[in-house]
Amino acid sequence: MRKRGHGGVLDAVRRLVEVLDGSGPVPPFNHACFVILLDRRTQVVQERVRDLIRGRDRFVLGVAREEIEAWWLADRVNTLAWSGLGEPLPQQLRYARQGYHAESDDAPKQTLSELTEASDRFDRVYGEGRVDLARDFAENYWQGYARLDDMRGQCPDGFGRFDDDLANLFRRVKAAGR
């Protein structure tokens, strides 16, 4: 039972803040870190989330410069393994372009759609609403295997900042002895 869209994100963050502050029906947790990922096109929601988490050190807000899928595409080794495609890619694909740069991709969802269409591994195309394909990638190709340095190199503005913020949070927690 989860709402989708920006309203669902705001409700979830609001509830988490209540729980962590001890003002909700559940006792506060001693240790917790929540990561909230949004893309650049959610400026109003980002500001509202920032207001909700301001002064709370258990939250990290990550903002992808384009779309979250750009971070996925930045990990080329795992993306190609997931798609079942190899180099050289068919030249008509956006992902095959010389010097492809994930953070500069103006339509990462379209790029993933093209990869799923070109692959014989899938019976459907990525497109809108294909959370199952994203879940497959995350669980089988990223969990324990994400190529963070590649993602930082391909998405320095979005992923690089997020990675720095998360590392700083862990440093603060370690220094505080929590």
Foldseek 3Di string as FASTA:
>chain_A
DADDDLVRVLVVLLVLLCQCVCNDPHHHDPAAAEEAEEEPVPVVSVVSSCVSCPPPLRYFYFYQDAGPLLLVVLQVVLLCVLLVHDPPDPPVQLSNDVPDFSSPDNCSLVNQQVSNVPGPPDPHGRPPPPVVSVVCSCVPRPVVHRPLVSSCVRGVPGSVVRVVSVVVSVVVCVVVVD
